Amino acid sequence: MKKSKNTQSTDQVSMNETMPHQINSPSFEGTGIKMEPPFENKHGVIIGDSIYSSPNSPLETWTKDTDPSIMAGDEWVHPTNDIGWNTSENRELLEKKKKPQAYPFMHPTKDVSKGSD
């Protein structure tokens, strides 16, 4: 039996402004934030493809002499396919960007019924 290789791709990994393969990932729909495709950083590592192993990653060749700062910075974080979006704080930030569910039948920022009862 031939062993399959874990290959990387820069294909879009989202569908309908969400990450369907991640059970707890939030939906970006209605937030004004567009899902972004994976990218290759300066170390030749694909970021945001949901394949968490890369032959070019320092994690694959880590030794006691590896400086951890090599994996610091924005080049290691995908803007929309990052585990940080699964936190309650960041999910709340996304929810605040969405229009109220009653929209368009109510004013998005003014309660016009205030004081009417």
Protein backbone atom coordinates (compact mmCIF):
# COMPACT_ATOMS: atom_id res chain seq x y z
CA MET A 1 0.00 0.00 0.00
CA LYS A 2 1.43 3.36 -1.04
CA LYS A 3 1.60 6.02 1.65
CA SER A 4 -0.04 9.32 0.68
CA LYS A 5 1.97 12.51 1.02
CA ASN A 6 0.81 15.51 3.01
CA THR A 7 0.98 18.15 0.29
CA GLN A 8 0.43 21.86 0.65
CA SER A 9 -1.84 24.01 -1.43
CA THR A 10 -2.56 27.70 -1.76
CA ASP A 11 -6.18 26.94 -2.73
CA GLN A 12 -9.02 28.68 -0.93
CA VAL A 13 -9.99 26.65 2.15
CA SER A 14 -13.17 28.54 3.06
CA MET A 15 -16.78 28.25 1.98
CA ASN A 16 -19.51 30.87 2.44
CA GLU A 17 -17.23 33.06 4.58
CA THR A 18 -16.51 30.29 7.10
CA MET A 19 -14.17 27.33 7.61
CA PRO A 20 -16.46 24.28 7.37
CA HIS A 21 -13.70 21.84 8.32
CA GLN A 22 -13.24 23.59 11.69
CA ILE A 23 -16.26 22.88 13.87
CA ASN A 24 -15.83 25.95 16.10
CA SER A 25 -14.72 28.45 13.51
CA PRO A 26 -16.80 31.62 13.29
CA SER A 27 -18.58 32.91 10.22
CA PHE A 28 -17.19 36.12 8.74
CA GLU A 29 -20.39 36.60 6.72
CA GLY A 30 -21.87 40.07 7.19
CA THR A 31 -18.80 41.42 9.01
CA GLY A 32 -17.10 43.16 6.09
CA ILE A 33 -14.07 40.90 6.60
CA LYS A 34 -13.35 38.76 3.55
CA MET A 35 -11.81 35.32 3.87
CA GLU A 36 -8.26 35.37 2.57
CA PRO A 37 -6.44 32.56 0.77
CA PRO A 38 -3.37 30.84 2.23
CA PHE A 39 -0.02 32.52 1.64
CA GLU A 40 3.63 31.50 1.59
CA ASN A 41 5.87 33.31 4.07
CA LYS A 42 9.55 34.17 3.56
CA HIS A 43 10.57 30.78 5.02
CA GLY A 44 8.62 28.91 2.33
CA VAL A 45 5.91 27.82 4.78
CA ILE A 46 2.29 27.94 3.65
CA ILE A 47 0.20 29.76 6.26
CA GLY A 48 -3.56 29.31 6.47
CA ASP A 49 -4.00 26.10 4.47
CA SER A 50 -5.10 24.05 7.51
CA ILE A 51 -2.27 21.57 6.88
CA TYR A 52 -0.23 22.07 9.99
CA SER A 53 2.95 20.37 8.90
CA SER A 54 5.43 21.83 6.45
CA PRO A 55 8.88 20.54 5.52
CA ASN A 56 10.18 24.15 5.54
CA SER A 57 8.84 24.94 9.00
CA PRO A 58 11.32 25.42 11.85
CA LEU A 59 9.00 23.15 13.87
CA GLU A 60 10.02 20.24 11.66
CA THR A 61 13.75 20.77 12.32
CA TRP A 62 13.59 22.17 15.86
CA THR A 63 16.63 21.62 18.10
CA LYS A 64 17.77 22.99 21.45
CA ASP A 65 19.74 25.59 19.47
CA THR A 66 16.70 26.93 17.55
CA ASP A 67 15.81 30.48 18.49
CA PRO A 68 12.01 30.56 19.06
CA SER A 69 11.83 34.13 17.77
CA ILE A 70 12.24 32.72 14.26
CA MET A 71 8.50 31.94 14.39
CA ALA A 72 7.40 35.33 15.74
CA GLY A 73 5.58 37.98 13.75
CA ASP A 74 2.69 38.48 11.38
CA GLU A 75 4.19 36.24 8.70
CA TRP A 76 3.21 33.24 10.86
CA VAL A 77 -0.41 34.32 11.41
CA HIS A 78 -3.16 34.06 8.81
CA PRO A 79 -5.66 36.95 9.00
CA THR A 80 -8.80 34.78 8.70
CA ASN A 81 -7.71 31.14 9.15
CA ASP A 82 -6.18 31.35 12.59
CA ILE A 83 -7.08 29.47 15.76
CA GLY A 84 -7.37 32.80 17.55
CA TRP A 85 -10.71 33.44 15.84
CA ASN A 86 -12.14 30.50 17.80
CA THR A 87 -11.80 32.33 21.13
CA SER A 88 -14.93 33.83 22.66
CA GLU A 89 -13.36 37.32 22.69
CA ASN A 90 -12.60 37.32 18.97
CA ARG A 91 -15.94 35.70 18.06
CA GLU A 92 -17.59 38.55 20.01
CA LEU A 93 -15.63 41.09 17.93
CA LEU A 94 -17.02 39.51 14.76
CA GLU A 95 -20.57 39.47 16.10
CA LYS A 96 -20.34 43.20 16.82
CA LYS A 97 -19.48 43.83 13.16
CA LYS A 98 -22.68 42.10 11.95
CA LYS A 99 -25.92 43.99 11.42
CA PRO A 100 -28.78 43.19 13.82
CA GLN A 101 -30.98 40.27 12.75
CA ALA A 102 -34.02 42.53 12.40
CA TYR A 103 -32.17 44.54 9.76
CA PRO A 104 -33.38 46.08 7.40
CA PHE A 105 -36.66 46.58 9.27
CA MET A 106 -35.11 48.53 12.13
CA HIS A 107 -32.54 51.25 12.45
CA PRO A 108 -29.13 49.59 12.96
CA THR A 109 -27.99 51.98 15.71
CA LYS A 110 -31.11 53.84 17.02
CA ASP A 111 -33.96 52.40 19.10
CA VAL A 112 -36.91 54.34 17.64
CA SER A 113 -39.36 52.64 20.01
CA LYS A 114 -37.65 54.01 23.14
CA GLY A 115 -40.16 55.63 25.46
CA SER A 116 -43.20 54.60 23.40
CA ASP A 117 -44.55 52.14 25.97
